[in-house]
Amino acid sequence: MFTVAVPAVFVAPVLEEFFFRAVVLVGVYQLFRRAVGIGAAATTAVLTSAGAFVLLHAVGGVLALQDGIQLFVVGCACAVLVIVTGRIWGAVLAHVVYNATYIALLVVGSALS
């Protein structure tokens, strides 16, 4: 379990946030900022990076609707943190907390079964 938990809680959030927020979010925002304005560019960037985040997690197999919605909300929240603060680390921390909570609930659920 430890070999799964450490990468899921510490490695994946850093890699995913740096790709989806620092590359995709910022890239889409910069691409659209002058053409459509700050607000529309931010909205487009948030939705694009969150959608791509969900798609990455669906690559391994079929994603249940509730899991897709949950991942989309997490992706949007992390993207908004980056847009509002201009920093990546809040999004990384939010993602770490989300993954750690998920793993903790899995462990507790397995222990109770």
PDB file of N, CA and C in Angstrom:
ATOM      1  N   MET A   1       0.821  -1.199   0.000  1.00  0.00           N
ATOM      2  CA  MET A   1       0.000   0.000   0.000  1.00  0.00           C
ATOM      3  C   MET A   1       0.868   1.267   0.000  1.00  0.00           C
ATOM      4  N   PHE A   2       1.970   1.217   0.742  1.00  0.00           N
ATOM      5  CA  PHE A   2       2.859   2.371   0.851  1.00  0.00           C
ATOM      6  C   PHE A   2       3.453   2.748  -0.507  1.00  0.00           C
ATOM      7  N   THR A   3       3.762   1.745  -1.319  1.00  0.00           N
ATOM      8  CA  THR A   3       4.350   2.007  -2.636  1.00  0.00           C
ATOM      9  C   THR A   3       3.354   2.632  -3.597  1.00  0.00           C
ATOM     10  N   VAL A   4       2.073   2.492  -3.315  1.00  0.00           N
ATOM     11  CA  VAL A   4       1.038   3.124  -4.125  1.00  0.00           C
ATOM     12  C   VAL A   4       0.701   4.497  -3.555  1.00  0.00           C
ATOM     13  N   ALA A   5       0.663   4.611  -2.241  1.00  0.00           N
ATOM     14  CA  ALA A   5       0.231   5.843  -1.589  1.00  0.00           C
ATOM     15  C   ALA A   5       1.202   7.008  -1.798  1.00  0.00           C
ATOM     16  N   VAL A   6       2.498   6.743  -1.665  1.00  0.00           N
ATOM     17  CA  VAL A   6       3.485   7.829  -1.781  1.00  0.00           C
ATOM     18  C   VAL A   6       3.449   8.482  -3.165  1.00  0.00           C
ATOM     19  N   PRO A   7       3.504   7.694  -4.255  1.00  0.00           N
ATOM     20  CA  PRO A   7       3.412   8.350  -5.572  1.00  0.00           C
ATOM     21  C   PRO A   7       2.071   9.050  -5.794  1.00  0.00           C
ATOM     22  N   ALA A   8       0.994   8.442  -5.315  1.00  0.00           N
ATOM     23  CA  ALA A   8      -0.332   9.031  -5.518  1.00  0.00           C
ATOM     24  C   ALA A   8      -0.511  10.330  -4.744  1.00  0.00           C
ATOM     25  N   VAL A   9       0.088  10.398  -3.578  1.00  0.00           N
ATOM     26  CA  VAL A   9      -0.101  11.579  -2.730  1.00  0.00           C
ATOM     27  C   VAL A   9       0.927  12.668  -3.013  1.00  0.00           C
ATOM     28  N   PHE A  10       2.160  12.306  -3.349  1.00  0.00           N
ATOM     29  CA  PHE A  10       3.204  13.314  -3.485  1.00  0.00           C
ATOM     30  C   PHE A  10       3.721  13.529  -4.906  1.00  0.00           C
ATOM     31  N   VAL A  11       3.878  12.477  -5.670  1.00  0.00           N
ATOM     32  CA  VAL A  11       4.475  12.610  -6.999  1.00  0.00           C
ATOM     33  C   VAL A  11       3.439  13.044  -8.041  1.00  0.00           C
ATOM     34  N   ALA A  12       2.332  12.324  -8.106  1.00  0.00           N
ATOM     35  CA  ALA A  12       1.310  12.619  -9.120  1.00  0.00           C
ATOM     36  C   ALA A  12       0.785  14.056  -9.042  1.00  0.00           C
ATOM     37  N   PRO A  13       0.458  14.567  -7.852  1.00  0.00           N
ATOM     38  CA  PRO A  13      -0.041  15.947  -7.806  1.00  0.00           C
ATOM     39  C   PRO A  13       0.953  16.976  -8.354  1.00  0.00           C
ATOM     40  N   VAL A  14       2.226  16.801  -8.048  1.00  0.00           N
ATOM     41  CA  VAL A  14       3.224  17.751  -8.549  1.00  0.00           C
ATOM     42  C   VAL A  14       3.313  17.675 -10.070  1.00  0.00           C
ATOM     43  N   LEU A  15       3.451  16.464 -10.599  1.00  0.00           N
ATOM     44  CA  LEU A  15       3.557  16.304 -12.052  1.00  0.00           C
ATOM     45  C   LEU A  15       2.294  16.781 -12.769  1.00  0.00           C
ATOM     46  N   GLU A  16       1.134  16.371 -12.264  1.00  0.00           N
ATOM     47  CA  GLU A  16      -0.122  16.742 -12.913  1.00  0.00           C
ATOM     48  C   GLU A  16      -0.374  18.246 -12.837  1.00  0.00           C
ATOM     49  N   GLU A  17      -0.137  18.842 -11.706  1.00  0.00           N
ATOM     50  CA  GLU A  17      -0.377  20.285 -11.585  1.00  0.00           C
ATOM     51  C   GLU A  17       0.581  21.086 -12.451  1.00  0.00           C
ATOM     52  N   PHE A  18       1.833  20.679 -12.491  1.00  0.00           N
ATOM     53  CA  PHE A  18       2.767  21.415 -13.344  1.00  0.00           C
ATOM     54  C   PHE A  18       2.405  21.276 -14.819  1.00  0.00           C
ATOM     55  N   PHE A  19       1.876  20.128 -15.222  1.00  0.00           N
ATOM     56  CA  PHE A  19       1.462  19.992 -16.621  1.00  0.00           C
ATOM     57  C   PHE A  19       0.136  20.707 -16.878  1.00  0.00           C
ATOM     58  N   PHE A  20      -0.911  20.363 -16.126  1.00  0.00           N
ATOM     59  CA  PHE A  20      -2.243  20.877 -16.422  1.00  0.00           C
ATOM     60  C   PHE A  20      -2.422  22.347 -16.064  1.00  0.00           C
ATOM     61  N   ARG A  21      -1.763  22.830 -15.045  1.00  0.00           N
ATOM     62  CA  ARG A  21      -1.927  24.241 -14.661  1.00  0.00           C
ATOM     63  C   ARG A  21      -0.804  25.115 -15.209  1.00  0.00           C
ATOM     64  N   ALA A  22       0.447  24.683 -15.099  1.00  0.00           N
ATOM     65  CA  ALA A  22       1.550  25.533 -15.557  1.00  0.00           C
ATOM     66  C   ALA A  22       1.706  25.506 -17.072  1.00  0.00           C
ATOM     67  N   VAL A  23       1.344  24.415 -17.717  1.00  0.00           N
ATOM     68  CA  VAL A  23       1.488  24.333 -19.172  1.00  0.00           C
ATOM     69  C   VAL A  23       0.150  24.578 -19.868  1.00  0.00           C
ATOM     70  N   VAL A  24      -0.838  23.721 -19.605  1.00  0.00           N
ATOM     71  CA  VAL A  24      -2.128  23.823 -20.318  1.00  0.00           C
ATOM     72  C   VAL A  24      -2.874  25.096 -19.933  1.00  0.00           C
ATOM     73  N   LEU A  25      -3.101  25.304 -18.644  1.00  0.00           N
ATOM     74  CA  LEU A  25      -3.871  26.472 -18.182  1.00  0.00           C
ATOM     75  C   LEU A  25      -3.228  27.780 -18.641  1.00  0.00           C
ATOM     76  N   VAL A  26      -1.959  27.940 -18.354  1.00  0.00           N
ATOM     77  CA  VAL A  26      -1.267  29.184 -18.708  1.00  0.00           C
ATOM     78  C   VAL A  26      -1.178  29.342 -20.223  1.00  0.00           C
ATOM     79  N   GLY A  27      -0.934  28.237 -20.928  1.00  0.00           N
ATOM     80  CA  GLY A  27      -0.856  28.303 -22.387  1.00  0.00           C
ATOM     81  C   GLY A  27      -2.164  28.736 -23.027  1.00  0.00           C
ATOM     82  N   VAL A  28      -3.266  28.135 -22.600  1.00  0.00           N
ATOM     83  CA  VAL A  28      -4.584  28.506 -23.148  1.00  0.00           C
ATOM     84  C   VAL A  28      -4.922  29.942 -22.766  1.00  0.00           C
ATOM     85  N   TYR A  29      -4.640  30.310 -21.518  1.00  0.00           N
ATOM     86  CA  TYR A  29      -4.905  31.678 -21.076  1.00  0.00           C
ATOM     87  C   TYR A  29      -4.148  32.690 -21.934  1.00  0.00           C
ATOM     88  N   GLN A  30      -2.864  32.451 -22.131  1.00  0.00           N
ATOM     89  CA  GLN A  30      -2.051  33.370 -22.946  1.00  0.00           C
ATOM     90  C   GLN A  30      -2.516  33.409 -24.398  1.00  0.00           C
ATOM     91  N   LEU A  31      -2.948  32.270 -24.904  1.00  0.00           N
ATOM     92  CA  LEU A  31      -3.410  32.184 -26.286  1.00  0.00           C
ATOM     93  C   LEU A  31      -4.661  33.032 -26.528  1.00  0.00           C
ATOM     94  N   PHE A  32      -5.574  33.050 -25.559  1.00  0.00           N
ATOM     95  CA  PHE A  32      -6.857  33.732 -25.739  1.00  0.00           C
ATOM     96  C   PHE A  32      -6.960  35.112 -25.085  1.00  0.00           C
ATOM     97  N   ARG A  33      -6.023  35.453 -24.219  1.00  0.00           N
ATOM     98  CA  ARG A  33      -6.123  36.680 -23.414  1.00  0.00           C
ATOM     99  C   ARG A  33      -6.342  37.936 -24.247  1.00  0.00           C
ATOM    100  N   ARG A  34      -5.563  38.146 -25.258  1.00  0.00           N
ATOM    101  CA  ARG A  34      -5.691  39.373 -26.053  1.00  0.00           C
ATOM    102  C   ARG A  34      -6.905  39.343 -26.968  1.00  0.00           C
ATOM    103  N   ALA A  35      -7.244  38.165 -27.456  1.00  0.00           N
ATOM    104  CA  ALA A  35      -8.346  38.056 -28.416  1.00  0.00           C
ATOM    105  C   ALA A  35      -9.721  38.200 -27.763  1.00  0.00           C
ATOM    106  N   VAL A  36      -9.910  37.599 -26.581  1.00  0.00           N
ATOM    107  CA  VAL A  36     -11.253  37.584 -25.988  1.00  0.00           C
ATOM    108  C   VAL A  36     -11.333  38.281 -24.636  1.00  0.00           C
ATOM    109  N   GLY A  37     -10.222  38.710 -24.099  1.00  0.00           N
ATOM    110  CA  GLY A  37     -10.225  39.391 -22.804  1.00  0.00           C
ATOM    111  C   GLY A  37      -9.842  38.451 -21.674  1.00  0.00           C
ATOM    112  N   ILE A  38      -9.547  39.055 -20.547  1.00  0.00           N
ATOM    113  CA  ILE A  38      -9.035  38.311 -19.397  1.00  0.00           C
ATOM    114  C   ILE A  38     -10.052  37.315 -18.860  1.00  0.00           C
ATOM    115  N   GLY A  39     -11.290  37.745 -18.656  1.00  0.00           N
ATOM    116  CA  GLY A  39     -12.311  36.875 -18.062  1.00  0.00           C
ATOM    117  C   GLY A  39     -12.627  35.663 -18.919  1.00  0.00           C
ATOM    118  N   ALA A  40     -12.865  35.880 -20.199  1.00  0.00           N
ATOM    119  CA  ALA A  40     -13.176  34.768 -21.104  1.00  0.00           C
ATOM    120  C   ALA A  40     -11.973  33.857 -21.272  1.00  0.00           C
ATOM    121  N   ALA A  41     -10.787  34.426 -21.329  1.00  0.00           N
ATOM    122  CA  ALA A  41      -9.577  33.612 -21.457  1.00  0.00           C
ATOM    123  C   ALA A  41      -9.377  32.755 -20.204  1.00  0.00           C
ATOM    124  N   ALA A  42      -9.609  33.334 -19.035  1.00  0.00           N
ATOM    125  CA  ALA A  42      -9.467  32.580 -17.784  1.00  0.00           C
ATOM    126  C   ALA A  42     -10.491  31.454 -17.721  1.00  0.00           C
ATOM    127  N   THR A  43     -11.726  31.743 -18.076  1.00  0.00           N
ATOM    128  CA  THR A  43     -12.777  30.719 -18.070  1.00  0.00           C
ATOM    129  C   THR A  43     -12.441  29.590 -19.033  1.00  0.00           C
ATOM    130  N   THR A  44     -12.021  29.945 -20.240  1.00  0.00           N
ATOM    131  CA  THR A  44     -11.650  28.941 -21.244  1.00  0.00           C
ATOM    132  C   THR A  44     -10.476  28.106 -20.754  1.00  0.00           C
ATOM    133  N   ALA A  45      -9.492  28.746 -20.168  1.00  0.00           N
ATOM    134  CA  ALA A  45      -8.307  28.039 -19.674  1.00  0.00           C
ATOM    135  C   ALA A  45      -8.657  27.098 -18.528  1.00  0.00           C
ATOM    136  N   VAL A  46      -9.497  27.556 -17.605  1.00  0.00           N
ATOM    137  CA  VAL A  46      -9.911  26.717 -16.468  1.00  0.00           C
ATOM    138  C   VAL A  46     -10.659  25.486 -16.973  1.00  0.00           C
ATOM    139  N   LEU A  47     -11.629  25.699 -17.856  1.00  0.00           N
ATOM    140  CA  LEU A  47     -12.426  24.576 -18.369  1.00  0.00           C
ATOM    141  C   LEU A  47     -11.584  23.617 -19.203  1.00  0.00           C
ATOM    142  N   THR A  48     -10.669  24.147 -19.988  1.00  0.00           N
ATOM    143  CA  THR A  48      -9.804  23.303 -20.818  1.00  0.00           C
ATOM    144  C   THR A  48      -8.871  22.456 -19.963  1.00  0.00           C
ATOM    145  N   SER A  49      -8.211  23.073 -18.990  1.00  0.00           N
ATOM    146  CA  SER A  49      -7.275  22.307 -18.166  1.00  0.00           C
ATOM    147  C   SER A  49      -8.000  21.292 -17.295  1.00  0.00           C
ATOM    148  N   ALA A  50      -9.181  21.641 -16.780  1.00  0.00           N
ATOM    149  CA  ALA A  50      -9.953  20.691 -15.968  1.00  0.00           C
ATOM    150  C   ALA A  50     -10.468  19.536 -16.827  1.00  0.00           C
ATOM    151  N   GLY A  51     -10.915  19.845 -18.041  1.00  0.00           N
ATOM    152  CA  GLY A  51     -11.366  18.793 -18.946  1.00  0.00           C
ATOM    153  C   GLY A  51     -10.242  17.845 -19.330  1.00  0.00           C
ATOM    154  N   ALA A  52      -9.077  18.388 -19.607  1.00  0.00           N
ATOM    155  CA  ALA A  52      -7.917  17.555 -19.940  1.00  0.00           C
ATOM    156  C   ALA A  52      -7.506  16.699 -18.749  1.00  0.00           C
ATOM    157  N   PHE A  53      -7.638  17.246 -17.552  1.00  0.00           N
ATOM    158  CA  PHE A  53      -7.335  16.527 -16.314  1.00  0.00           C
ATOM    159  C   PHE A  53      -8.247  15.298 -16.187  1.00  0.00           C
ATOM    160  N   VAL A  54      -9.525  15.473 -16.476  1.00  0.00           N
ATOM    161  CA  VAL A  54     -10.474  14.354 -16.436  1.00  0.00           C
ATOM    162  C   VAL A  54     -10.115  13.328 -17.506  1.00  0.00           C
ATOM    163  N   LEU A  55      -9.824  13.801 -18.705  1.00  0.00           N
ATOM    164  CA  LEU A  55      -9.481  12.877 -19.794  1.00  0.00           C
ATOM    165  C   LEU A  55      -8.259  12.026 -19.461  1.00  0.00           C
ATOM    166  N   LEU A  56      -7.256  12.623 -18.827  1.00  0.00           N
ATOM    167  CA  LEU A  56      -6.078  11.853 -18.431  1.00  0.00           C
ATOM    168  C   LEU A  56      -6.472  10.716 -17.494  1.00  0.00           C
ATOM    169  N   HIS A  57      -7.352  11.006 -16.547  1.00  0.00           N
ATOM    170  CA  HIS A  57      -7.754   9.986 -15.586  1.00  0.00           C
ATOM    171  C   HIS A  57      -8.686   8.946 -16.210  1.00  0.00           C
ATOM    172  N   ALA A  58      -9.280   9.251 -17.343  1.00  0.00           N
ATOM    173  CA  ALA A  58     -10.154   8.297 -18.030  1.00  0.00           C
ATOM    174  C   ALA A  58      -9.374   7.376 -18.959  1.00  0.00           C
ATOM    175  N   VAL A  59      -8.106   7.668 -19.203  1.00  0.00           N
ATOM    176  CA  VAL A  59      -7.299   6.873 -20.127  1.00  0.00           C
ATOM    177  C   VAL A  59      -7.169   5.424 -19.653  1.00  0.00           C
ATOM    178  N   GLY A  60      -7.073   5.211 -18.358  1.00  0.00           N
ATOM    179  CA  GLY A  60      -6.895   3.872 -17.811  1.00  0.00           C
ATOM    180  C   GLY A  60      -8.113   2.982 -17.932  1.00  0.00           C
ATOM    181  N   GLY A  61      -9.241   3.534 -18.242  1.00  0.00           N
ATOM    182  CA  GLY A  61     -10.472   2.755 -18.346  1.00  0.00           C
ATOM    183  C   GLY A  61     -11.671   3.669 -18.287  1.00  0.00           C
ATOM    184  N   VAL A  62     -12.829   3.059 -18.199  1.00  0.00           N
ATOM    185  CA  VAL A  62     -14.067   3.835 -18.145  1.00  0.00           C
ATOM    186  C   VAL A  62     -14.157   4.536 -16.796  1.00  0.00           C
ATOM    187  N   LEU A  63     -14.510   5.793 -16.842  1.00  0.00           N
ATOM    188  CA  LEU A  63     -14.629   6.603 -15.636  1.00  0.00           C
ATOM    189  C   LEU A  63     -16.120   6.759 -15.330  1.00  0.00           C
ATOM    190  N   ALA A  64     -16.525   6.426 -14.126  1.00  0.00           N
ATOM    191  CA  ALA A  64     -17.918   6.608 -13.730  1.00  0.00           C
ATOM    192  C   ALA A  64     -18.254   8.104 -13.761  1.00  0.00           C
ATOM    193  N   LEU A  65     -19.508   8.417 -14.037  1.00  0.00           N
ATOM    194  CA  LEU A  65     -19.933   9.814 -14.139  1.00  0.00           C
ATOM    195  C   LEU A  65     -19.593  10.594 -12.878  1.00  0.00           C
ATOM    196  N   GLN A  66     -19.881  10.017 -11.716  1.00  0.00           N
ATOM    197  CA  GLN A  66     -19.602  10.737 -10.466  1.00  0.00           C
ATOM    198  C   GLN A  66     -18.104  10.972 -10.279  1.00  0.00           C
ATOM    199  N   ASP A  67     -17.268  10.038 -10.721  1.00  0.00           N
ATOM    200  CA  ASP A  67     -15.818  10.230 -10.632  1.00  0.00           C
ATOM    201  C   ASP A  67     -15.359  11.316 -11.595  1.00  0.00           C
ATOM    202  N   GLY A  68     -15.933  11.334 -12.788  1.00  0.00           N
ATOM    203  CA  GLY A  68     -15.602  12.370 -13.767  1.00  0.00           C
ATOM    204  C   GLY A  68     -15.983  13.757 -13.270  1.00  0.00           C
ATOM    205  N   ILE A  69     -17.156  13.862 -12.676  1.00  0.00           N
ATOM    206  CA  ILE A  69     -17.606  15.152 -12.132  1.00  0.00           C
ATOM    207  C   ILE A  69     -16.700  15.585 -10.988  1.00  0.00           C
ATOM    208  N   GLN A  70     -16.378  14.647 -10.120  1.00  0.00           N
ATOM    209  CA  GLN A  70     -15.507  14.956  -8.982  1.00  0.00           C
ATOM    210  C   GLN A  70     -14.130  15.432  -9.454  1.00  0.00           C
ATOM    211  N   LEU A  71     -13.560  14.741 -10.418  1.00  0.00           N
ATOM    212  CA  LEU A  71     -12.258  15.147 -10.952  1.00  0.00           C
ATOM    213  C   LEU A  71     -12.333  16.498 -11.654  1.00  0.00           C
ATOM    214  N   PHE A  72     -13.450  16.756 -12.347  1.00  0.00           N
ATOM    215  CA  PHE A  72     -13.618  18.041 -13.021  1.00  0.00           C
ATOM    216  C   PHE A  72     -13.681  19.178 -12.003  1.00  0.00           C
ATOM    217  N   VAL A  73     -14.379  18.966 -10.905  1.00  0.00           N
ATOM    218  CA  VAL A  73     -14.471  19.991  -9.848  1.00  0.00           C
ATOM    219  C   VAL A  73     -13.097  20.232  -9.223  1.00  0.00           C
ATOM    220  N   VAL A  74     -12.361  19.160  -8.952  1.00  0.00           N
ATOM    221  CA  VAL A  74     -11.004  19.308  -8.401  1.00  0.00           C
ATOM    222  C   VAL A  74     -10.120  20.062  -9.387  1.00  0.00           C
ATOM    223  N   GLY A  75     -10.208  19.697 -10.672  1.00  0.00           N
ATOM    224  CA  GLY A  75      -9.425  20.377 -11.702  1.00  0.00           C
ATOM    225  C   GLY A  75      -9.767  21.852 -11.806  1.00  0.00           C
ATOM    226  N   CYS A  76     -11.057  22.163 -11.734  1.00  0.00           N
ATOM    227  CA  CYS A  76     -11.481  23.577 -11.772  1.00  0.00           C
ATOM    228  C   CYS A  76     -10.978  24.335 -10.548  1.00  0.00           C
ATOM    229  N   ALA A  77     -11.092  23.714  -9.379  1.00  0.00           N
ATOM    230  CA  ALA A  77     -10.645  24.375  -8.147  1.00  0.00           C
ATOM    231  C   ALA A  77      -9.143  24.664  -8.200  1.00  0.00           C
ATOM    232  N   CYS A  78      -8.363  23.699  -8.646  1.00  0.00           N
ATOM    233  CA  CYS A  78      -6.913  23.906  -8.749  1.00  0.00           C
ATOM    234  C   CYS A  78      -6.583  24.979  -9.781  1.00  0.00           C
ATOM    235  N   ALA A  79      -7.309  24.961 -10.898  1.00  0.00           N
ATOM    236  CA  ALA A  79      -7.074  25.961 -11.945  1.00  0.00           C
ATOM    237  C   ALA A  79      -7.428  27.363 -11.455  1.00  0.00           C
ATOM    238  N   VAL A  80      -8.535  27.482 -10.752  1.00  0.00           N
ATOM    239  CA  VAL A  80      -8.943  28.796 -10.225  1.00  0.00           C
ATOM    240  C   VAL A  80      -7.914  29.299  -9.220  1.00  0.00           C
ATOM    241  N   LEU A  81      -7.379  28.400  -8.398  1.00  0.00           N
ATOM    242  CA  LEU A  81      -6.321  28.807  -7.463  1.00  0.00           C
ATOM    243  C   LEU A  81      -5.138  29.417  -8.200  1.00  0.00           C
ATOM    244  N   VAL A  82      -4.753  28.802  -9.306  1.00  0.00           N
ATOM    245  CA  VAL A  82      -3.620  29.324 -10.084  1.00  0.00           C
ATOM    246  C   VAL A  82      -3.984  30.654 -10.729  1.00  0.00           C
ATOM    247  N   ILE A  83      -5.169  30.756 -11.297  1.00  0.00           N
ATOM    248  CA  ILE A  83      -5.596  32.005 -11.945  1.00  0.00           C
ATOM    249  C   ILE A  83      -5.659  33.143 -10.935  1.00  0.00           C
ATOM    250  N   VAL A  84      -6.222  32.883  -9.761  1.00  0.00           N
ATOM    251  CA  VAL A  84      -6.412  33.937  -8.751  1.00  0.00           C
ATOM    252  C   VAL A  84      -5.097  34.352  -8.102  1.00  0.00           C
ATOM    253  N   THR A  85      -4.248  33.367  -7.777  1.00  0.00           N
ATOM    254  CA  THR A  85      -3.022  33.683  -7.051  1.00  0.00           C
ATOM    255  C   THR A  85      -1.819  33.927  -7.960  1.00  0.00           C
ATOM    256  N   GLY A  86      -1.867  33.371  -9.164  1.00  0.00           N
ATOM    257  CA  GLY A  86      -0.709  33.465 -10.047  1.00  0.00           C
ATOM    258  C   GLY A  86       0.416  32.534  -9.633  1.00  0.00           C
ATOM    259  N   ARG A  87       0.126  31.606  -8.737  1.00  0.00           N
ATOM    260  CA  ARG A  87       1.122  30.668  -8.218  1.00  0.00           C
ATOM    261  C   ARG A  87       0.605  29.242  -8.366  1.00  0.00           C
ATOM    262  N   ILE A  88       1.502  28.292  -8.525  1.00  0.00           N
ATOM    263  CA  ILE A  88       1.146  26.888  -8.732  1.00  0.00           C
ATOM    264  C   ILE A  88       1.006  26.115  -7.423  1.00  0.00           C
ATOM    265  N   TRP A  89       1.683  26.556  -6.356  1.00  0.00           N
ATOM    266  CA  TRP A  89       1.792  25.741  -5.152  1.00  0.00           C
ATOM    267  C   TRP A  89       0.490  25.561  -4.392  1.00  0.00           C
ATOM    268  N   GLY A  90      -0.422  26.481  -4.478  1.00  0.00           N
ATOM    269  CA  GLY A  90      -1.735  26.288  -3.854  1.00  0.00           C
ATOM    270  C   GLY A  90      -2.482  25.145  -4.508  1.00  0.00           C
ATOM    271  N   ALA A  91      -2.385  25.065  -5.836  1.00  0.00           N
ATOM    272  CA  ALA A  91      -3.020  23.985  -6.576  1.00  0.00           C
ATOM    273  C   ALA A  91      -2.361  22.646  -6.237  1.00  0.00           C
ATOM    274  N   VAL A  92      -1.045  22.646  -6.117  1.00  0.00           N
ATOM    275  CA  VAL A  92      -0.331  21.409  -5.760  1.00  0.00           C
ATOM    276  C   VAL A  92      -0.776  20.948  -4.372  1.00  0.00           C
ATOM    277  N   LEU A  93      -0.846  21.864  -3.417  1.00  0.00           N
ATOM    278  CA  LEU A  93      -1.260  21.522  -2.060  1.00  0.00           C
ATOM    279  C   LEU A  93      -2.698  21.003  -2.045  1.00  0.00           C
ATOM    280  N   ALA A  94      -3.596  21.653  -2.761  1.00  0.00           N
ATOM    281  CA  ALA A  94      -4.985  21.194  -2.827  1.00  0.00           C
ATOM    282  C   ALA A  94      -5.057  19.784  -3.405  1.00  0.00           C
ATOM    283  N   HIS A  95      -4.273  19.526  -4.432  1.00  0.00           N
ATOM    284  CA  HIS A  95      -4.252  18.210  -5.077  1.00  0.00           C
ATOM    285  C   HIS A  95      -3.677  17.157  -4.129  1.00  0.00           C
ATOM    286  N   VAL A  96      -2.626  17.497  -3.402  1.00  0.00           N
ATOM    287  CA  VAL A  96      -2.038  16.582  -2.418  1.00  0.00           C
ATOM    288  C   VAL A  96      -3.070  16.227  -1.351  1.00  0.00           C
ATOM    289  N   VAL A  97      -3.765  17.227  -0.834  1.00  0.00           N
ATOM    290  CA  VAL A  97      -4.782  16.997   0.204  1.00  0.00           C
ATOM    291  C   VAL A  97      -5.912  16.129  -0.347  1.00  0.00           C
ATOM    292  N   TYR A  98      -6.353  16.397  -1.566  1.00  0.00           N
ATOM    293  CA  TYR A  98      -7.411  15.598  -2.192  1.00  0.00           C
ATOM    294  C   TYR A  98      -6.972  14.142  -2.314  1.00  0.00           C
ATOM    295  N   ASN A  99      -5.781  13.902  -2.871  1.00  0.00           N
ATOM    296  CA  ASN A  99      -5.304  12.532  -3.039  1.00  0.00           C
ATOM    297  C   ASN A  99      -5.069  11.839  -1.703  1.00  0.00           C
ATOM    298  N   ALA A 100      -4.525  12.551  -0.724  1.00  0.00           N
ATOM    299  CA  ALA A 100      -4.281  11.964   0.595  1.00  0.00           C
ATOM    300  C   ALA A 100      -5.599  11.574   1.264  1.00  0.00           C
ATOM    301  N   THR A 101      -6.596  12.417   1.122  1.00  0.00           N
ATOM    302  CA  THR A 101      -7.912  12.113   1.679  1.00  0.00           C
ATOM    303  C   THR A 101      -8.505  10.882   1.007  1.00  0.00           C
ATOM    304  N   TYR A 102      -8.373  10.809  -0.303  1.00  0.00           N
ATOM    305  CA  TYR A 102      -8.875   9.657  -1.059  1.00  0.00           C
ATOM    306  C   TYR A 102      -8.195   8.364  -0.588  1.00  0.00           C
ATOM    307  N   ILE A 103      -6.878   8.382  -0.466  1.00  0.00           N
ATOM    308  CA  ILE A 103      -6.129   7.207  -0.016  1.00  0.00           C
ATOM    309  C   ILE A 103      -6.523   6.845   1.414  1.00  0.00           C
ATOM    310  N   ALA A 104      -6.653   7.841   2.296  1.00  0.00           N
ATOM    311  CA  ALA A 104      -7.036   7.585   3.689  1.00  0.00           C
ATOM    312  C   ALA A 104      -8.420   6.936   3.754  1.00  0.00           C
ATOM    313  N   LEU A 105      -9.336   7.410   2.932  1.00  0.00           N
ATOM    314  CA  LEU A 105     -10.674   6.815   2.918  1.00  0.00           C
ATOM    315  C   LEU A 105     -10.647   5.383   2.393  1.00  0.00           C
ATOM    316  N   LEU A 106      -9.776   5.108   1.422  1.00  0.00           N
ATOM    317  CA  LEU A 106      -9.619   3.744   0.923  1.00  0.00           C
ATOM    318  C   LEU A 106      -9.089   2.819   2.018  1.00  0.00           C
ATOM    319  N   VAL A 107      -8.093   3.314   2.754  1.00  0.00           N
ATOM    320  CA  VAL A 107      -7.499   2.508   3.823  1.00  0.00           C
ATOM    321  C   VAL A 107      -8.522   2.249   4.933  1.00  0.00           C
ATOM    322  N   VAL A 108      -9.233   3.263   5.346  1.00  0.00           N
ATOM    323  CA  VAL A 108     -10.238   3.111   6.388  1.00  0.00           C
ATOM    324  C   VAL A 108     -11.357   2.185   5.911  1.00  0.00           C
ATOM    325  N   GLY A 109     -11.787   2.366   4.679  1.00  0.00           N
ATOM    326  CA  GLY A 109     -12.835   1.505   4.133  1.00  0.00           C
ATOM    327  C   GLY A 109     -12.396   0.062   4.040  1.00  0.00           C
ATOM    328  N   SER A 110     -11.141  -0.178   3.674  1.00  0.00           N
ATOM    329  CA  SER A 110     -10.610  -1.545   3.598  1.00  0.00           C
ATOM    330  C   SER A 110     -10.495  -2.164   4.983  1.00  0.00           C
ATOM    331  N   ALA A 111     -10.125  -1.363   5.972  1.00  0.00           N
ATOM    332  CA  ALA A 111      -9.980  -1.856   7.336  1.00  0.00           C
ATOM    333  C   ALA A 111     -11.325  -2.225   7.935  1.00  0.00           C
ATOM    334  N   LEU A 112     -12.366  -1.503   7.536  1.00  0.00           N
ATOM    335  CA  LEU A 112     -13.697  -1.768   8.091  1.00  0.00           C
ATOM    336  C   LEU A 112     -14.384  -2.936   7.410  1.00  0.00           C
ATOM    337  N   SER A 113     -13.916  -3.310   6.244  1.00  0.00           N
ATOM    338  CA  SER A 113     -14.562  -4.404   5.498  1.00  0.00           C
ATOM    339  C   SER A 113     -14.195  -5.761   6.016  1.00  0.00           C
TER     340      SER A 113
END
